[in-house]
Amino acid sequence: MLSTWIHPDDLVQLVTRGIEERVQADVAYGLSQNSKGWWRNDGLAALKYEPAHSADDHLDNIAVADPSAPSWQYQGGPFATAEYVGDPERAALFSR
């Protein structure tokens, strides 16, 4: 999950840059400067987006059960696996 982390200040900067550059349509992954990131983000150069934060600064504070497990190798982590069922009672609150 550290690969897709974005600091709130970096998110504000990304949105602000999109407004200032009058971007009408683009695909850009909002990420901080994370060494574990894998997304190609070529579109960010046009926005002049320069993240000031990194998930790497928080590595010592985060415990991951098994970061090599297949479920952690993809965006969404174990929440994106076919086996994930979530909390049916909580999901029912949103289906009304």
C-alpha atoms as a PDB file:
ATOM      1  CA  MET A   1       0.000   0.000   0.000  1.00  0.00           C
ATOM      2  CA  LEU A   2       2.992   2.304   0.395  1.00  0.00           C
ATOM      3  CA  SER A   3       3.397   2.284  -3.377  1.00  0.00           C
ATOM      4  CA  THR A   4       0.098   4.133  -3.910  1.00  0.00           C
ATOM      5  CA  TRP A   5       0.192   6.403  -0.833  1.00  0.00           C
ATOM      6  CA  ILE A   6      -0.379  10.135  -1.253  1.00  0.00           C
ATOM      7  CA  HIS A   7       0.127  12.751   1.440  1.00  0.00           C
ATOM      8  CA  PRO A   8      -2.828  15.163   1.802  1.00  0.00           C
ATOM      9  CA  ASP A   9      -0.573  18.143   0.974  1.00  0.00           C
ATOM     10  CA  ASP A  10       0.571  16.428  -2.240  1.00  0.00           C
ATOM     11  CA  LEU A  11      -3.058  15.743  -3.180  1.00  0.00           C
ATOM     12  CA  VAL A  12      -3.934  19.402  -2.676  1.00  0.00           C
ATOM     13  CA  GLN A  13      -0.986  20.373  -4.867  1.00  0.00           C
ATOM     14  CA  LEU A  14      -2.030  17.914  -7.605  1.00  0.00           C
ATOM     15  CA  VAL A  15      -5.614  19.189  -7.712  1.00  0.00           C
ATOM     16  CA  THR A  16      -4.451  22.813  -7.587  1.00  0.00           C
ATOM     17  CA  ARG A  17      -2.018  22.227 -10.465  1.00  0.00           C
ATOM     18  CA  GLY A  18      -4.789  20.645 -12.523  1.00  0.00           C
ATOM     19  CA  ILE A  19      -6.984  23.699 -11.983  1.00  0.00           C
ATOM     20  CA  GLU A  20      -4.180  26.188 -12.626  1.00  0.00           C
ATOM     21  CA  GLU A  21      -3.123  24.400 -15.828  1.00  0.00           C
ATOM     22  CA  ARG A  22      -6.778  24.198 -16.891  1.00  0.00           C
ATOM     23  CA  VAL A  23      -6.607  20.478 -17.528  1.00  0.00           C
ATOM     24  CA  GLN A  24      -9.860  19.382 -19.105  1.00  0.00           C
ATOM     25  CA  ALA A  25      -9.172  15.649 -19.273  1.00  0.00           C
ATOM     26  CA  ASP A  26      -6.149  13.613 -18.290  1.00  0.00           C
ATOM     27  CA  VAL A  27      -5.167  10.461 -16.476  1.00  0.00           C
ATOM     28  CA  ALA A  28      -2.770  10.977 -13.623  1.00  0.00           C
ATOM     29  CA  TYR A  29      -2.212   8.792 -10.606  1.00  0.00           C
ATOM     30  CA  GLY A  30      -2.042  10.915  -7.486  1.00  0.00           C
ATOM     31  CA  LEU A  31       0.965   9.588  -5.615  1.00  0.00           C
ATOM     32  CA  SER A  32       3.605  11.008  -3.374  1.00  0.00           C
ATOM     33  CA  GLN A  33       7.298  10.408  -4.084  1.00  0.00           C
ATOM     34  CA  ASN A  34       7.291   6.718  -3.078  1.00  0.00           C
ATOM     35  CA  SER A  35      10.244   4.473  -3.907  1.00  0.00           C
ATOM     36  CA  LYS A  36       7.919   1.452  -4.038  1.00  0.00           C
ATOM     37  CA  GLY A  37       5.631   3.046  -6.645  1.00  0.00           C
ATOM     38  CA  TRP A  38       5.170   1.312  -9.983  1.00  0.00           C
ATOM     39  CA  TRP A  39       2.719   3.479 -11.930  1.00  0.00           C
ATOM     40  CA  ARG A  40       3.952   5.245 -15.057  1.00  0.00           C
ATOM     41  CA  ASN A  41       2.872   8.798 -14.497  1.00  0.00           C
ATOM     42  CA  ASP A  42       4.050  10.632 -17.594  1.00  0.00           C
ATOM     43  CA  GLY A  43       1.097  13.019 -17.498  1.00  0.00           C
ATOM     44  CA  LEU A  44       2.236  14.617 -14.257  1.00  0.00           C
ATOM     45  CA  ALA A  45       5.156  16.428 -15.892  1.00  0.00           C
ATOM     46  CA  ALA A  46       2.738  18.667 -17.818  1.00  0.00           C
ATOM     47  CA  LEU A  47       1.077  19.597 -14.535  1.00  0.00           C
ATOM     48  CA  LYS A  48       4.406  20.550 -12.968  1.00  0.00           C
ATOM     49  CA  TYR A  49       3.421  18.393  -9.987  1.00  0.00           C
ATOM     50  CA  GLU A  50       6.311  17.856  -7.582  1.00  0.00           C
ATOM     51  CA  PRO A  51       5.322  15.805  -4.530  1.00  0.00           C
ATOM     52  CA  ALA A  52       7.030  16.922  -1.349  1.00  0.00           C
ATOM     53  CA  HIS A  53       6.333  13.821   0.744  1.00  0.00           C
ATOM     54  CA  SER A  54       7.119  10.108   0.640  1.00  0.00           C
ATOM     55  CA  ALA A  55       5.634   6.976   2.143  1.00  0.00           C
ATOM     56  CA  ASP A  56       9.238   5.889   2.692  1.00  0.00           C
ATOM     57  CA  ASP A  57       9.336   8.237   5.691  1.00  0.00           C
ATOM     58  CA  HIS A  58       6.758   5.996   7.398  1.00  0.00           C
ATOM     59  CA  LEU A  59       8.235   2.553   6.739  1.00  0.00           C
ATOM     60  CA  ASP A  60       9.294   2.049  10.360  1.00  0.00           C
ATOM     61  CA  ASN A  61       5.803   2.858  11.652  1.00  0.00           C
ATOM     62  CA  ILE A  62       3.863   0.386   9.534  1.00  0.00           C
ATOM     63  CA  ALA A  63       3.562  -3.321  10.191  1.00  0.00           C
ATOM     64  CA  VAL A  64       2.500  -5.506   7.290  1.00  0.00           C
ATOM     65  CA  ALA A  65       1.773  -9.160   7.977  1.00  0.00           C
ATOM     66  CA  ASP A  66       3.497 -10.478   4.854  1.00  0.00           C
ATOM     67  CA  PRO A  67       4.311  -7.886   2.169  1.00  0.00           C
ATOM     68  CA  SER A  68       5.436 -10.658  -0.211  1.00  0.00           C
ATOM     69  CA  ALA A  69       1.994 -12.311  -0.195  1.00  0.00           C
ATOM     70  CA  PRO A  70       0.339 -12.165  -3.624  1.00  0.00           C
ATOM     71  CA  SER A  71      -2.564 -10.131  -2.258  1.00  0.00           C
ATOM     72  CA  TRP A  72      -0.175  -7.246  -1.467  1.00  0.00           C
ATOM     73  CA  GLN A  73       1.414  -7.201  -4.922  1.00  0.00           C
ATOM     74  CA  TYR A  74      -1.508  -5.397  -6.582  1.00  0.00           C
ATOM     75  CA  GLN A  75      -3.254  -2.111  -6.044  1.00  0.00           C
ATOM     76  CA  GLY A  76      -6.048  -2.647  -3.562  1.00  0.00           C
ATOM     77  CA  GLY A  77      -4.131  -5.279  -1.611  1.00  0.00           C
ATOM     78  CA  PRO A  78      -6.216  -8.032  -0.032  1.00  0.00           C
ATOM     79  CA  PHE A  79      -9.347  -5.921  -0.504  1.00  0.00           C
ATOM     80  CA  ALA A  80      -9.097  -6.587  -4.250  1.00  0.00           C
ATOM     81  CA  THR A  81      -8.828 -10.371  -4.066  1.00  0.00           C
ATOM     82  CA  ALA A  82     -11.638 -12.616  -5.270  1.00  0.00           C
ATOM     83  CA  GLU A  83     -11.870 -14.100  -1.778  1.00  0.00           C
ATOM     84  CA  TYR A  84     -12.558 -10.773  -0.034  1.00  0.00           C
ATOM     85  CA  VAL A  85     -16.188 -10.530   1.060  1.00  0.00           C
ATOM     86  CA  GLY A  86     -15.993  -7.478   3.297  1.00  0.00           C
ATOM     87  CA  ASP A  87     -18.489  -6.826   6.048  1.00  0.00           C
ATOM     88  CA  PRO A  88     -22.007  -7.775   4.803  1.00  0.00           C
ATOM     89  CA  GLU A  89     -23.728  -5.828   7.607  1.00  0.00           C
ATOM     90  CA  ARG A  90     -21.812  -2.655   6.739  1.00  0.00           C
ATOM     91  CA  ALA A  91     -22.398  -3.151   3.023  1.00  0.00           C
ATOM     92  CA  ALA A  92     -26.124  -3.408   3.675  1.00  0.00           C
ATOM     93  CA  LEU A  93     -26.097   0.147   5.042  1.00  0.00           C
ATOM     94  CA  PHE A  94     -25.035   1.435   1.621  1.00  0.00           C
ATOM     95  CA  SER A  95     -27.458  -0.645  -0.454  1.00  0.00           C
ATOM     96  CA  ARG A  96     -30.583   1.083   0.805  1.00  0.00           C
END
